[in-house]
């Protein structure tokens, strides 16, 4: 059917740092006491435990903010698509369609911001209730400000 080319490369020994549990001649993921999550990390070079955990925490924080941003963006796009038929109907008159489209964008943003904050707050309430409640208060304040502004017009 065909030939297989096999090649080998030499890798010089180097020092590494590991967060894991040694079992015999191998490693298994380290199970954290709090939360029950597992950690299995290997980096080149000599690092202290504090440096490795700090690096993992910063990577985790970055991923959390990325996912929050993606969640808000998806919520905004979804709400914009829900209100899109209003734009299509108003697009019969071109100048009216542009104004309705801008209004729909603002409305979608005004709904997405508090909903995203409420979703984030619900996650925080389980781990840090004070922060979760504070985020809920901020989300409620934003929602109240937006809807009171809309009612005054």
N, C-alpha and C. Protein backbone atom coordinates (compact mmCIF):
# COMPACT_ATOMS: atom_id res chain seq x y z
N UNK A 1 0.81 -1.19 0.00
CA UNK A 1 0.00 0.00 0.00
C UNK A 1 0.85 1.25 0.00
N UNK A 2 1.97 1.18 0.63
CA UNK A 2 2.83 2.36 0.67
C UNK A 2 3.95 2.17 1.67
N UNK A 3 4.90 3.04 1.59
CA UNK A 3 6.02 2.99 2.51
C UNK A 3 5.80 4.00 3.63
N UNK A 4 6.34 3.68 4.76
CA UNK A 4 6.27 4.57 5.91
C UNK A 4 7.68 4.99 6.26
N UNK A 5 7.91 6.27 6.30
CA UNK A 5 9.24 6.77 6.65
C UNK A 5 9.25 7.05 8.15
N UNK A 6 10.19 6.47 8.83
CA UNK A 6 10.34 6.67 10.27
C UNK A 6 11.61 7.45 10.50
N UNK A 7 11.52 8.47 11.33
CA UNK A 7 12.71 9.24 11.66
C UNK A 7 12.77 9.44 13.17
N UNK A 8 13.97 9.60 13.66
CA UNK A 8 14.19 9.78 15.08
C UNK A 8 14.93 11.09 15.29
N UNK A 9 14.64 11.73 16.40
CA UNK A 9 15.34 12.96 16.75
C UNK A 9 15.83 12.84 18.18
N UNK A 10 16.97 13.42 18.43
CA UNK A 10 17.56 13.39 19.75
C UNK A 10 17.07 14.62 20.53
N UNK A 11 16.62 14.38 21.74
CA UNK A 11 16.20 15.47 22.61
C UNK A 11 17.11 15.44 23.82
N UNK A 12 17.85 16.52 24.00
CA UNK A 12 18.75 16.60 25.14
C UNK A 12 17.95 16.68 26.44
N UNK A 13 18.48 16.08 27.49
CA UNK A 13 17.79 16.16 28.78
C UNK A 13 17.71 17.62 29.24
N UNK A 14 16.61 17.96 29.84
CA UNK A 14 16.42 19.31 30.35
C UNK A 14 15.65 19.23 31.66
N UNK A 15 15.72 20.28 32.43
CA UNK A 15 14.99 20.30 33.69
C UNK A 15 13.56 20.77 33.43
N UNK A 16 12.63 20.13 34.10
CA UNK A 16 11.22 20.49 33.97
C UNK A 16 10.61 20.60 35.36
N UNK A 17 9.48 21.28 35.42
CA UNK A 17 8.72 21.39 36.65
C UNK A 17 7.35 20.77 36.40
N UNK A 18 6.86 20.03 37.38
CA UNK A 18 5.62 19.27 37.20
C UNK A 18 4.69 19.51 38.38
N UNK A 19 3.41 19.68 38.07
CA UNK A 19 2.37 19.62 39.10
C UNK A 19 1.59 18.35 38.81
N UNK A 20 1.82 17.34 39.60
CA UNK A 20 1.17 16.04 39.42
C UNK A 20 1.45 15.20 40.66
N UNK A 21 0.92 14.00 40.67
CA UNK A 21 1.18 13.05 41.74
C UNK A 21 1.95 11.88 41.13
N UNK A 22 3.07 11.53 41.75
CA UNK A 22 3.86 10.43 41.22
C UNK A 22 3.28 9.11 41.71
N UNK A 23 2.99 8.24 40.74
CA UNK A 23 2.49 6.89 41.04
C UNK A 23 3.43 5.91 40.35
N UNK A 24 4.26 5.27 41.12
CA UNK A 24 5.24 4.35 40.55
C UNK A 24 6.24 5.12 39.71
N UNK A 25 6.35 4.73 38.43
CA UNK A 25 7.28 5.40 37.53
C UNK A 25 6.58 6.41 36.63
N UNK A 26 5.36 6.75 36.95
CA UNK A 26 4.59 7.66 36.09
C UNK A 26 3.95 8.76 36.94
N UNK A 27 3.23 9.63 36.28
CA UNK A 27 2.53 10.71 36.96
C UNK A 27 1.04 10.60 36.69
N UNK A 28 0.26 11.02 37.68
CA UNK A 28 -1.19 11.13 37.53
C UNK A 28 -1.59 12.54 37.92
N UNK A 29 -2.73 13.02 37.41
CA UNK A 29 -3.15 14.38 37.75
C UNK A 29 -3.31 14.57 39.26
N UNK A 30 -2.92 15.76 39.71
CA UNK A 30 -3.07 16.14 41.11
C UNK A 30 -4.53 16.55 41.33
N UNK A 31 -5.17 15.99 42.35
CA UNK A 31 -6.55 16.34 42.66
C UNK A 31 -6.55 17.36 43.79
N UNK A 32 -7.08 18.54 43.50
CA UNK A 32 -7.15 19.60 44.49
C UNK A 32 -8.17 19.23 45.56
N UNK A 33 -7.87 19.60 46.81
CA UNK A 33 -8.78 19.29 47.91
C UNK A 33 -10.07 20.10 47.79
N UNK A 34 -9.95 21.36 47.44
CA UNK A 34 -11.12 22.23 47.32
C UNK A 34 -11.63 22.19 45.88
N UNK A 35 -12.87 21.84 45.70
CA UNK A 35 -13.46 21.88 44.37
C UNK A 35 -13.33 20.59 43.59
N UNK A 36 -12.41 19.72 43.95
CA UNK A 36 -12.28 18.44 43.28
C UNK A 36 -11.74 18.49 41.87
N UNK A 37 -11.16 19.61 41.45
CA UNK A 37 -10.61 19.68 40.10
C UNK A 37 -9.22 19.04 40.07
N UNK A 38 -8.80 18.66 38.87
CA UNK A 38 -7.50 18.02 38.72
C UNK A 38 -6.55 18.94 37.95
N UNK A 39 -5.27 18.83 38.28
CA UNK A 39 -4.24 19.64 37.64
C UNK A 39 -3.13 18.70 37.18
N UNK A 40 -2.73 18.85 35.94
CA UNK A 40 -1.62 18.07 35.39
C UNK A 40 -0.85 19.02 34.49
N UNK A 41 0.23 19.57 34.98
CA UNK A 41 0.97 20.62 34.26
C UNK A 41 2.45 20.28 34.25
N UNK A 42 3.07 20.47 33.08
CA UNK A 42 4.50 20.26 32.93
C UNK A 42 5.05 21.43 32.13
N UNK A 43 6.06 22.10 32.67
CA UNK A 43 6.70 23.22 31.97
C UNK A 43 8.20 23.02 31.98
N UNK A 44 8.86 23.53 30.95
CA UNK A 44 10.31 23.42 30.89
C UNK A 44 10.93 24.43 31.85
N UNK A 45 12.02 24.03 32.46
CA UNK A 45 12.74 24.90 33.37
C UNK A 45 12.33 24.65 34.81
N UNK A 46 13.16 25.19 35.70
CA UNK A 46 12.87 25.04 37.13
C UNK A 46 11.98 26.18 37.58
N UNK A 47 10.81 25.85 38.08
CA UNK A 47 9.85 26.85 38.58
C UNK A 47 9.43 26.42 39.97
N UNK A 48 9.14 27.41 40.79
CA UNK A 48 8.61 27.09 42.12
C UNK A 48 7.12 26.78 41.98
N UNK A 49 6.58 26.18 43.02
CA UNK A 49 5.15 25.86 43.01
C UNK A 49 4.33 27.15 42.89
N UNK A 50 4.76 28.20 43.60
CA UNK A 50 4.04 29.48 43.53
C UNK A 50 4.03 30.04 42.12
N UNK A 51 5.17 29.96 41.43
CA UNK A 51 5.23 30.46 40.05
C UNK A 51 4.31 29.66 39.13
N UNK A 52 4.31 28.35 39.30
CA UNK A 52 3.47 27.52 38.44
C UNK A 52 1.98 27.76 38.70
N UNK A 53 1.60 27.82 39.97
CA UNK A 53 0.19 28.06 40.28
C UNK A 53 -0.23 29.47 39.86
N UNK A 54 0.67 30.43 40.01
CA UNK A 54 0.37 31.79 39.57
C UNK A 54 0.15 31.84 38.06
N UNK A 55 0.98 31.13 37.32
CA UNK A 55 0.83 31.07 35.87
C UNK A 55 -0.50 30.42 35.48
N UNK A 56 -0.86 29.34 36.16
CA UNK A 56 -2.14 28.68 35.88
C UNK A 56 -3.33 29.57 36.24
N UNK A 57 -3.21 30.31 37.35
CA UNK A 57 -4.30 31.21 37.75
C UNK A 57 -4.49 32.33 36.73
N UNK A 58 -3.39 32.90 36.24
CA UNK A 58 -3.52 33.98 35.26
C UNK A 58 -4.08 33.46 33.94
N UNK A 59 -3.69 32.26 33.53
CA UNK A 59 -4.26 31.67 32.31
C UNK A 59 -5.75 31.39 32.49
N UNK A 60 -6.13 30.93 33.68
CA UNK A 60 -7.53 30.67 33.97
C UNK A 60 -8.34 31.97 33.98
N UNK A 61 -7.78 33.03 34.55
CA UNK A 61 -8.47 34.33 34.57
C UNK A 61 -8.64 34.87 33.16
N UNK A 62 -7.62 34.73 32.33
CA UNK A 62 -7.72 35.19 30.94
C UNK A 62 -8.81 34.43 30.20
N UNK A 63 -8.84 33.12 30.36
CA UNK A 63 -9.86 32.31 29.69
C UNK A 63 -11.26 32.68 30.18
N UNK A 64 -11.38 32.98 31.47
CA UNK A 64 -12.68 33.38 32.03
C UNK A 64 -13.17 34.65 31.36
N UNK A 65 -12.29 35.65 31.22
CA UNK A 65 -12.70 36.92 30.60
C UNK A 65 -13.01 36.74 29.12
N UNK A 66 -12.26 35.88 28.45
CA UNK A 66 -12.54 35.61 27.04
C UNK A 66 -13.93 34.98 26.90
N UNK A 67 -14.23 34.00 27.75
CA UNK A 67 -15.54 33.34 27.68
C UNK A 67 -16.67 34.29 28.05
N UNK A 68 -16.44 35.19 28.99
CA UNK A 68 -17.47 36.19 29.33
C UNK A 68 -17.73 37.10 28.14
N UNK A 69 -16.66 37.53 27.48
CA UNK A 69 -16.82 38.39 26.31
C UNK A 69 -17.53 37.68 25.17
N UNK A 70 -17.17 36.43 24.93
CA UNK A 70 -17.82 35.65 23.88
C UNK A 70 -19.30 35.44 24.22
N UNK A 71 -19.59 35.17 25.48
CA UNK A 71 -20.97 34.99 25.91
C UNK A 71 -21.79 36.25 25.70
N UNK A 72 -21.23 37.40 26.07
CA UNK A 72 -21.94 38.67 25.86
C UNK A 72 -22.15 38.92 24.38
N UNK A 73 -21.12 38.68 23.58
CA UNK A 73 -21.23 38.90 22.13
C UNK A 73 -22.31 38.01 21.52
N UNK A 74 -22.33 36.74 21.92
CA UNK A 74 -23.36 35.82 21.40
C UNK A 74 -24.76 36.26 21.83
N UNK A 75 -24.89 36.71 23.06
CA UNK A 75 -26.17 37.21 23.54
C UNK A 75 -26.61 38.43 22.75
N UNK A 76 -25.69 39.34 22.50
CA UNK A 76 -25.99 40.55 21.73
C UNK A 76 -26.40 40.20 20.31
N UNK A 77 -25.64 39.32 19.66
CA UNK A 77 -25.96 38.92 18.28
C UNK A 77 -27.31 38.21 18.24
N UNK A 78 -27.57 37.33 19.20
CA UNK A 78 -28.83 36.62 19.24
C UNK A 78 -30.02 37.55 19.40
N UNK A 79 -29.89 38.52 20.29
CA UNK A 79 -30.98 39.49 20.47
C UNK A 79 -31.15 40.37 19.24
N UNK A 80 -30.05 40.73 18.61
CA UNK A 80 -30.14 41.51 17.37
C UNK A 80 -30.89 40.72 16.31
N UNK A 81 -30.63 39.43 16.23
CA UNK A 81 -31.32 38.60 15.24
C UNK A 81 -32.80 38.43 15.57
N UNK A 82 -33.13 38.38 16.86
CA UNK A 82 -34.53 38.27 17.26
C UNK A 82 -35.31 39.50 16.81
N UNK A 83 -34.69 40.67 16.94
CA UNK A 83 -35.36 41.92 16.57
C UNK A 83 -35.18 42.28 15.10
N UNK A 84 -34.46 41.48 14.35
CA UNK A 84 -34.18 41.77 12.94
C UNK A 84 -35.45 41.92 12.09
N UNK A 85 -36.51 41.15 12.32
CA UNK A 85 -37.72 41.35 11.51
C UNK A 85 -38.26 42.78 11.58
N UNK A 86 -38.09 43.45 12.71
CA UNK A 86 -38.53 44.84 12.81
C UNK A 86 -37.75 45.72 11.84
N UNK A 87 -36.47 45.45 11.70
CA UNK A 87 -35.63 46.23 10.78
C UNK A 87 -36.07 45.96 9.35
N UNK A 88 -36.35 44.71 9.03
CA UNK A 88 -36.76 44.36 7.67
C UNK A 88 -38.09 45.04 7.32
N UNK A 89 -39.01 45.04 8.26
CA UNK A 89 -40.30 45.70 8.02
C UNK A 89 -40.11 47.20 7.84
N UNK A 90 -39.29 47.80 8.67
CA UNK A 90 -39.06 49.25 8.58
C UNK A 90 -38.21 49.63 7.38
N UNK A 91 -37.54 48.66 6.78
CA UNK A 91 -36.64 48.94 5.66
C UNK A 91 -37.40 49.27 4.37
N UNK A 92 -38.71 49.25 4.43
CA UNK A 92 -39.51 49.65 3.27
C UNK A 92 -39.16 51.09 2.90
N UNK A 93 -38.97 51.90 3.92
CA UNK A 93 -38.48 53.27 3.72
C UNK A 93 -37.03 53.30 4.19
N UNK A 94 -36.07 53.51 3.27
CA UNK A 94 -34.65 53.37 3.61
C UNK A 94 -34.20 54.19 4.83
N UNK A 95 -34.63 55.42 4.95
CA UNK A 95 -34.17 56.22 6.09
C UNK A 95 -34.74 55.68 7.39
N UNK A 96 -35.95 55.14 7.35
CA UNK A 96 -36.57 54.58 8.55
C UNK A 96 -35.87 53.27 8.96
N UNK A 97 -35.48 52.47 7.97
CA UNK A 97 -34.79 51.21 8.25
C UNK A 97 -33.48 51.42 8.98
N UNK A 98 -32.73 52.45 8.59
CA UNK A 98 -31.45 52.75 9.26
C UNK A 98 -31.67 53.16 10.70
N UNK A 99 -32.70 53.97 10.93
CA UNK A 99 -32.98 54.43 12.30
C UNK A 99 -33.44 53.26 13.17
N UNK A 100 -34.30 52.41 12.62
CA UNK A 100 -34.77 51.26 13.39
C UNK A 100 -33.62 50.29 13.66
N UNK A 101 -32.73 50.13 12.70
CA UNK A 101 -31.58 49.25 12.90
C UNK A 101 -30.69 49.75 14.03
N UNK A 102 -30.47 51.06 14.09
CA UNK A 102 -29.68 51.63 15.19
C UNK A 102 -30.40 51.43 16.52
N UNK A 103 -31.70 51.64 16.51
CA UNK A 103 -32.48 51.44 17.73
C UNK A 103 -32.47 50.00 18.20
N UNK A 104 -32.56 49.08 17.25
CA UNK A 104 -32.52 47.65 17.59
C UNK A 104 -31.16 47.29 18.17
N UNK A 105 -30.09 47.86 17.63
CA UNK A 105 -28.76 47.60 18.17
C UNK A 105 -28.64 48.10 19.60
N UNK A 106 -29.15 49.30 19.86
CA UNK A 106 -29.11 49.84 21.22
C UNK A 106 -29.98 49.01 22.17
N UNK A 107 -31.15 48.61 21.68
CA UNK A 107 -32.04 47.80 22.51
C UNK A 107 -31.40 46.44 22.82
N UNK A 108 -30.80 45.81 21.82
CA UNK A 108 -30.15 44.52 22.04
C UNK A 108 -28.99 44.66 23.03
N UNK A 109 -28.23 45.74 22.91
CA UNK A 109 -27.13 45.98 23.85
C UNK A 109 -27.69 46.22 25.25
N UNK A 110 -28.77 47.00 25.32
CA UNK A 110 -29.38 47.31 26.62
C UNK A 110 -29.95 46.09 27.31
N UNK A 111 -30.38 45.12 26.56
CA UNK A 111 -30.89 43.88 27.16
C UNK A 111 -29.74 42.91 27.43
N UNK A 112 -28.76 42.85 26.53
CA UNK A 112 -27.65 41.89 26.66
C UNK A 112 -26.76 42.22 27.85
N UNK A 113 -26.50 43.49 28.11
CA UNK A 113 -25.59 43.86 29.21
C UNK A 113 -26.11 43.38 30.56
N UNK A 114 -27.35 43.71 30.95
CA UNK A 114 -27.82 43.20 32.24
C UNK A 114 -27.95 41.67 32.28
N UNK A 115 -28.38 41.07 31.17
CA UNK A 115 -28.51 39.61 31.16
C UNK A 115 -27.15 38.93 31.33
N UNK A 116 -26.13 39.47 30.68
CA UNK A 116 -24.78 38.90 30.83
C UNK A 116 -24.30 39.06 32.27
N UNK A 117 -24.54 40.22 32.85
CA UNK A 117 -24.13 40.44 34.25
C UNK A 117 -24.90 39.53 35.20
N UNK A 118 -26.19 39.32 34.94
CA UNK A 118 -26.98 38.43 35.79
C UNK A 118 -26.44 37.00 35.69
N UNK A 119 -26.10 36.57 34.49
CA UNK A 119 -25.55 35.23 34.30
C UNK A 119 -24.22 35.08 35.05
N UNK A 120 -23.36 36.08 34.96
CA UNK A 120 -22.08 36.05 35.67
C UNK A 120 -22.31 36.06 37.17
N UNK A 121 -23.27 36.88 37.63
CA UNK A 121 -23.56 36.98 39.07
C UNK A 121 -24.06 35.66 39.64
N UNK A 122 -24.88 34.95 38.89
CA UNK A 122 -25.39 33.66 39.37
C UNK A 122 -24.23 32.69 39.59
N UNK A 123 -23.25 32.73 38.70
CA UNK A 123 -22.06 31.90 38.90
C UNK A 123 -21.27 32.31 40.14
N UNK A 124 -21.18 33.60 40.39
CA UNK A 124 -20.42 34.10 41.54
C UNK A 124 -21.13 33.80 42.86
N UNK A 125 -22.46 33.78 42.87
CA UNK A 125 -23.19 33.59 44.12
C UNK A 125 -22.81 32.28 44.80
N UNK A 126 -22.55 31.25 44.03
CA UNK A 126 -22.18 29.95 44.61
C UNK A 126 -20.84 30.01 45.33
N UNK A 127 -19.89 30.79 44.83
CA UNK A 127 -18.54 30.81 45.39
C UNK A 127 -18.27 32.00 46.30
N UNK A 128 -18.73 33.17 45.89
CA UNK A 128 -18.54 34.38 46.70
C UNK A 128 -19.82 35.19 46.65
N UNK A 129 -20.73 34.93 47.60
CA UNK A 129 -22.06 35.55 47.56
C UNK A 129 -22.04 37.08 47.56
N UNK A 130 -21.11 37.69 48.27
CA UNK A 130 -21.08 39.15 48.33
C UNK A 130 -20.79 39.74 46.95
N UNK A 131 -19.82 39.17 46.25
CA UNK A 131 -19.49 39.65 44.90
C UNK A 131 -20.67 39.38 43.96
N UNK A 132 -21.28 38.21 44.07
CA UNK A 132 -22.43 37.88 43.23
C UNK A 132 -23.59 38.83 43.43
N UNK A 133 -23.88 39.14 44.68
CA UNK A 133 -24.98 40.07 44.97
C UNK A 133 -24.63 41.46 44.48
N UNK A 134 -23.38 41.87 44.62
CA UNK A 134 -22.97 43.19 44.12
C UNK A 134 -23.14 43.28 42.60
N UNK A 135 -22.78 42.22 41.89
CA UNK A 135 -22.95 42.21 40.43
C UNK A 135 -24.43 42.24 40.08
N UNK A 136 -25.27 41.52 40.84
CA UNK A 136 -26.71 41.56 40.60
C UNK A 136 -27.27 42.97 40.80
N UNK A 137 -26.78 43.67 41.81
CA UNK A 137 -27.23 45.04 42.06
C UNK A 137 -26.83 45.94 40.89
N UNK A 138 -25.61 45.79 40.40
CA UNK A 138 -25.16 46.59 39.25
C UNK A 138 -26.01 46.28 38.03
N UNK A 139 -26.28 44.99 37.78
CA UNK A 139 -27.11 44.60 36.63
C UNK A 139 -28.51 45.17 36.77
N UNK A 140 -29.06 45.12 37.98
CA UNK A 140 -30.38 45.69 38.21
C UNK A 140 -30.39 47.19 38.00
N UNK A 141 -29.33 47.86 38.43
CA UNK A 141 -29.22 49.31 38.22
C UNK A 141 -29.15 49.67 36.74
N UNK A 142 -28.38 48.90 35.99
CA UNK A 142 -28.28 49.15 34.54
C UNK A 142 -29.63 48.91 33.88
N UNK A 143 -30.29 47.80 34.23
CA UNK A 143 -31.60 47.50 33.64
C UNK A 143 -32.61 48.58 34.00
N UNK A 144 -32.61 49.02 35.25
CA UNK A 144 -33.54 50.06 35.68
C UNK A 144 -33.28 51.36 34.93
N UNK A 145 -32.01 51.73 34.79
CA UNK A 145 -31.67 52.98 34.09
C UNK A 145 -32.10 52.92 32.63
N UNK A 146 -31.88 51.79 31.99
CA UNK A 146 -32.24 51.67 30.57
C UNK A 146 -33.75 51.72 30.39
N UNK A 147 -34.47 50.95 31.18
CA UNK A 147 -35.92 50.89 30.98
C UNK A 147 -36.62 52.15 31.46
N UNK A 148 -36.08 52.83 32.48
CA UNK A 148 -36.69 54.11 32.88
C UNK A 148 -36.43 55.17 31.82
N UNK A 149 -35.29 55.09 31.15
CA UNK A 149 -34.98 56.02 30.05
C UNK A 149 -35.93 55.77 28.88
N UNK A 150 -36.20 54.49 28.59
CA UNK A 150 -37.12 54.15 27.50
C UNK A 150 -38.55 54.58 27.81
N UNK A 151 -38.98 54.46 29.05
CA UNK A 151 -40.35 54.85 29.42
C UNK A 151 -40.54 56.36 29.40
N UNK A 152 -39.48 57.10 29.67
CA UNK A 152 -39.61 58.56 29.70
C UNK A 152 -39.78 59.16 28.31
N UNK A 153 -39.46 58.40 27.28
CA UNK A 153 -39.56 58.92 25.91
C UNK A 153 -40.92 58.72 25.32
